[in-house]
Each structure stands twice: as structure tokens, then as C-alpha cells.
Amino acid sequence: MGPIEDRIAELERRIARLEEPPADVPPPPVPQAPPLDLVDLIRSRAEGETRPDTVMYGGAATFEDRHYMWAMEHAAGEVADANWTRAATLFERLGSGPRLALLAALLKEPRTRKELQETLGETSTGHLYHHLKDLQSAGLLIQPRRGEYAIAPHAVVPLMTIVAVAMDLGVAESPQEEAE
């Protein structure tokens, strides 16, 4: 090979090295399936039926070294015919700004009573314990250690689902608010 061929071969080797991903770089994230894949799943399960009759929810979340996966499915008639007043009790417990602030603070990691008190600011210790007791009696909180609170593992994805649904169903901003 001549000098030009040697230079071209060297340039090609250098380009190949530049295009190789470094060993310490994680692979690119796997693209997420569009949400409508769930609709396709419901349709495929309903094959042979006149129409789908199911309500599904689920998700996966990772915070630090804790991984949560949850999926649930109910027949639509089962949900429609259920005693919705039981759900009202949970909604009442979640319908409090301080309680939602506590759950948001606990989402990523357990926290101590002192840290949760700081989350609520000027609220008295009595109010804090009242909120914590209500969330515990609803099965949403656990105490891994004395004075420490965490969201019950089985409640992480359902709680995030409730918040996501509330965000999706929330009142859209009015055109006047959008303009401001």
C-alpha cells in the first residue's frame, strides 16, 4: 500500500474507534411502548367476545434500589357493581393536601418523623401523627423501624396511578389562564 492508502486506512481505524461506545456508558434506553398498546392488549384478550369488558391498570417504578411492579385487572361489571363507598373512604384520606405531601415525600425513600414534620412545615406533631395514623389505617404506610415511615410496597404503583389519573382527569387550564 502507498502513503495515501496507509493514511486512509489509519483514518478509518480512528473513525471506527470514535464510533465505538465506551465500555462504561450504559446502553441507550429501550423505547417505551405507546400507551395504546394496553388498548391492543385488552382487544386481544377480548377476541371472540362482542366487546372488551375489563378495567386494567399497572406500572413499574424504580427508586434507588427499590423496584416496584404492579398490574391489576377487573371485569368492568365488577367495578360498576361494587360498593363505591369503600372507595370514598380512601379518597377522603387522599383528599388532603398534607397527606398527599407526606406520600410524595415518602415516594422515593422512607423518612423519619422529623423529616416528615419538616415536610409539613408549621403543622403540629399531633396533626402529623393524625395524618400518619390515617394513612397507616388505610394500608398505605408502614413503619420499617420505630420513628420511620414508608409507603407500603403494594401501594406504590397504585398510588402513582391514582395521581396520574387525577392529572389526566384534572380540569384543563382555561384559555385566559394559558394566556397569562
Protein backbone atom coordinates (compact mmCIF):
# COMPACT_ATOMS: atom_id res chain seq x y z
CA MET A 1 0.00 0.00 0.00
CA GLY A 2 1.09 3.52 -0.69
CA PRO A 3 1.17 6.54 1.64
CA ILE A 4 -2.34 7.68 0.71
CA GLU A 5 -3.81 4.21 1.26
CA ASP A 6 -2.00 3.98 4.63
CA ARG A 7 -3.41 7.36 5.68
CA ILE A 8 -6.94 6.36 4.60
CA ALA A 9 -6.67 3.04 6.48
CA GLU A 10 -5.44 4.88 9.60
CA LEU A 11 -8.33 7.38 9.34
CA GLU A 12 -10.83 4.54 9.01
CA ARG A 13 -9.41 2.86 12.15
CA ARG A 14 -9.63 6.14 14.07
CA ILE A 15 -13.22 6.73 12.95
CA ALA A 16 -14.14 3.17 13.94
CA ARG A 17 -12.67 3.74 17.43
CA LEU A 18 -14.57 7.02 17.76
CA GLU A 19 -17.85 5.36 16.81
CA GLU A 20 -17.47 2.55 19.37
CA PRO A 21 -19.42 3.27 22.56
CA PRO A 22 -17.19 3.47 25.64
CA ALA A 23 -17.41 0.41 27.89
CA ASP A 24 -18.62 2.44 30.89
CA VAL A 25 -21.57 4.07 29.10
CA PRO A 26 -24.90 2.27 29.63
CA PRO A 27 -26.83 1.22 26.54
CA PRO A 28 -29.47 3.65 25.29
CA PRO A 29 -32.88 3.27 26.93
CA VAL A 30 -35.33 0.86 25.39
CA PRO A 31 -38.08 2.87 23.72
CA GLN A 32 -41.32 2.74 25.69
CA ALA A 33 -44.34 1.18 24.08
CA PRO A 34 -47.04 3.68 23.30
CA PRO A 35 -49.90 3.70 25.82
CA LEU A 36 -52.27 2.40 23.19
CA ASP A 37 -50.51 -0.99 23.43
CA LEU A 38 -52.67 -1.51 26.53
CA VAL A 39 -55.75 -0.98 24.38
CA ASP A 40 -54.40 -3.59 21.95
CA LEU A 41 -53.86 -6.00 24.85
CA ILE A 42 -57.45 -5.51 26.02
CA ARG A 43 -58.70 -6.13 22.47
CA SER A 44 -56.60 -9.29 22.09
CA ARG A 45 -57.95 -10.68 25.37
CA ALA A 46 -61.48 -9.97 24.21
CA GLU A 47 -61.13 -11.96 20.98
CA GLY A 48 -64.33 -13.83 20.35
CA GLU A 49 -66.27 -11.52 22.65
CA THR A 50 -68.53 -8.84 21.28
CA ARG A 51 -66.59 -6.15 23.13
CA PRO A 52 -63.91 -5.87 25.79
CA ASP A 53 -65.22 -5.77 29.35
CA THR A 54 -62.22 -5.08 31.53
CA VAL A 55 -60.53 -2.35 33.50
CA MET A 56 -56.74 -2.61 33.83
CA TYR A 57 -54.02 -0.57 35.42
CA GLY A 58 -50.42 -1.12 36.30
CA GLY A 59 -46.94 0.17 36.10
CA ALA A 60 -43.35 -0.13 37.19
CA ALA A 61 -41.24 2.30 39.18
CA THR A 62 -37.69 2.24 40.47
CA PHE A 63 -36.38 4.47 43.25
CA GLU A 64 -32.76 3.90 44.24
CA ASP A 65 -32.52 0.14 44.86
CA ARG A 66 -36.27 -0.45 45.26
CA HIS A 67 -38.20 -1.81 42.28
CA TYR A 68 -41.98 -1.91 42.15
CA MET A 69 -44.19 -3.62 39.58
CA TRP A 70 -47.93 -3.87 39.79
CA ALA A 71 -50.75 -4.80 37.48
CA MET A 72 -54.41 -5.29 38.20
CA GLU A 73 -57.39 -6.25 36.11
CA HIS A 74 -61.09 -6.24 36.98
CA ALA A 75 -64.18 -7.06 34.97
CA ALA A 76 -65.90 -3.77 34.16
CA GLY A 77 -69.18 -5.07 35.61
CA GLU A 78 -67.42 -5.96 38.86
CA VAL A 79 -66.22 -2.36 39.20
CA ALA A 80 -69.56 -0.88 38.15
CA ASP A 81 -71.47 -3.02 40.67
CA ALA A 82 -69.00 -2.63 43.54
CA ASN A 83 -69.77 -0.70 46.72
CA TRP A 84 -68.14 2.60 45.81
CA THR A 85 -68.50 3.95 49.35
CA ARG A 86 -65.43 1.89 50.30
CA ALA A 87 -63.51 3.83 47.67
CA ALA A 88 -64.86 7.07 49.12
CA THR A 89 -63.07 6.34 52.40
CA LEU A 90 -59.74 6.09 50.61
CA PHE A 91 -60.47 9.19 48.52
CA GLU A 92 -61.28 11.10 51.71
CA ARG A 93 -57.94 10.08 53.18
CA LEU A 94 -56.13 11.07 49.99
CA GLY A 95 -58.13 14.28 49.58
CA SER A 96 -55.90 16.18 51.97
CA GLY A 97 -53.03 18.39 50.86
CA PRO A 98 -50.85 17.48 53.88
CA ARG A 99 -51.42 13.74 53.39
CA LEU A 100 -50.55 13.94 49.69
CA ALA A 101 -47.43 15.93 50.64
CA LEU A 102 -46.46 13.17 53.07
CA LEU A 103 -46.99 10.47 50.43
CA ALA A 104 -45.00 12.46 47.86
CA ALA A 105 -42.16 12.87 50.38
CA LEU A 106 -42.18 9.12 51.07
CA LEU A 107 -42.37 8.03 47.45
CA LYS A 108 -38.65 7.80 46.79
CA GLU A 109 -37.43 6.68 50.21
CA PRO A 110 -38.51 6.08 53.81
CA ARG A 111 -38.33 9.11 56.08
CA THR A 112 -38.20 9.78 59.77
CA ARG A 113 -40.90 11.50 61.76
CA LYS A 114 -38.67 14.57 61.99
CA GLU A 115 -38.18 14.72 58.19
CA LEU A 116 -41.92 14.36 57.67
CA GLN A 117 -42.58 17.11 60.21
CA GLU A 118 -40.30 19.37 58.14
CA THR A 119 -42.29 18.42 55.02
CA LEU A 120 -45.46 19.76 56.61
CA GLY A 121 -43.80 22.86 57.99
CA GLU A 122 -45.65 24.59 60.82
CA THR A 123 -48.08 21.73 61.42
CA SER A 124 -48.10 20.42 64.99
CA THR A 125 -46.76 17.00 65.88
CA GLY A 126 -50.31 15.99 66.76
CA HIS A 127 -51.52 16.83 63.26
CA LEU A 128 -48.60 14.90 61.76
CA TYR A 129 -49.43 11.79 63.79
CA HIS A 130 -53.11 12.14 62.91
CA HIS A 131 -52.26 12.12 59.18
CA LEU A 132 -49.78 9.26 59.56
CA LYS A 133 -52.29 7.18 61.54
CA ASP A 134 -54.98 7.68 58.88
CA LEU A 135 -52.58 6.70 56.08
CA GLN A 136 -51.44 3.65 58.05
CA SER A 137 -55.01 2.53 58.78
CA ALA A 138 -55.72 2.80 55.04
CA GLY A 139 -52.86 0.35 54.43
CA LEU A 140 -50.78 2.94 52.57
CA LEU A 141 -47.95 3.38 55.08
CA ILE A 142 -45.74 1.01 57.02
CA GLN A 143 -43.13 1.57 59.72
CA PRO A 144 -39.94 -0.29 58.77
CA ARG A 145 -38.34 0.94 62.01
CA ARG A 146 -39.50 2.87 65.00
CA GLY A 147 -39.99 6.53 64.03
CA GLU A 148 -39.54 5.80 60.32
CA TYR A 149 -42.30 5.64 57.71
CA ALA A 150 -42.50 4.30 54.17
CA ILE A 151 -45.17 3.72 51.56
CA ALA A 152 -46.30 0.10 51.67
CA PRO A 153 -44.68 -1.62 48.68
CA HIS A 154 -48.04 -2.88 47.35
CA ALA A 155 -49.32 0.72 47.33
CA VAL A 156 -46.54 2.47 45.36
CA VAL A 157 -47.76 1.85 41.79
CA PRO A 158 -51.50 2.14 42.63
CA LEU A 159 -50.85 5.50 44.35
CA MET A 160 -48.85 6.73 41.39
CA THR A 161 -51.67 5.51 39.13
CA ILE A 162 -54.24 7.46 41.15
CA VAL A 163 -52.14 10.61 40.89
CA ALA A 164 -51.56 10.07 37.15
CA VAL A 165 -55.30 9.58 36.59
CA ALA A 166 -56.06 12.70 38.62
CA MET A 167 -53.57 14.63 36.47
CA ASP A 168 -55.21 13.28 33.30
CA LEU A 169 -58.75 13.98 34.52
CA GLY A 170 -57.87 17.33 36.09
CA VAL A 171 -59.54 20.47 34.89
CA ALA A 172 -57.69 21.89 31.90
CA GLU A 173 -56.45 25.43 32.18
CA SER A 174 -58.85 27.97 30.81
CA PRO A 175 -57.71 29.93 27.73
CA GLN A 176 -57.39 33.02 29.96
CA GLU A 177 -55.01 31.18 32.37
CA GLU A 178 -52.96 29.86 29.44
CA ALA A 179 -52.53 33.40 28.08
CA GLU A 180 -51.14 34.72 31.38
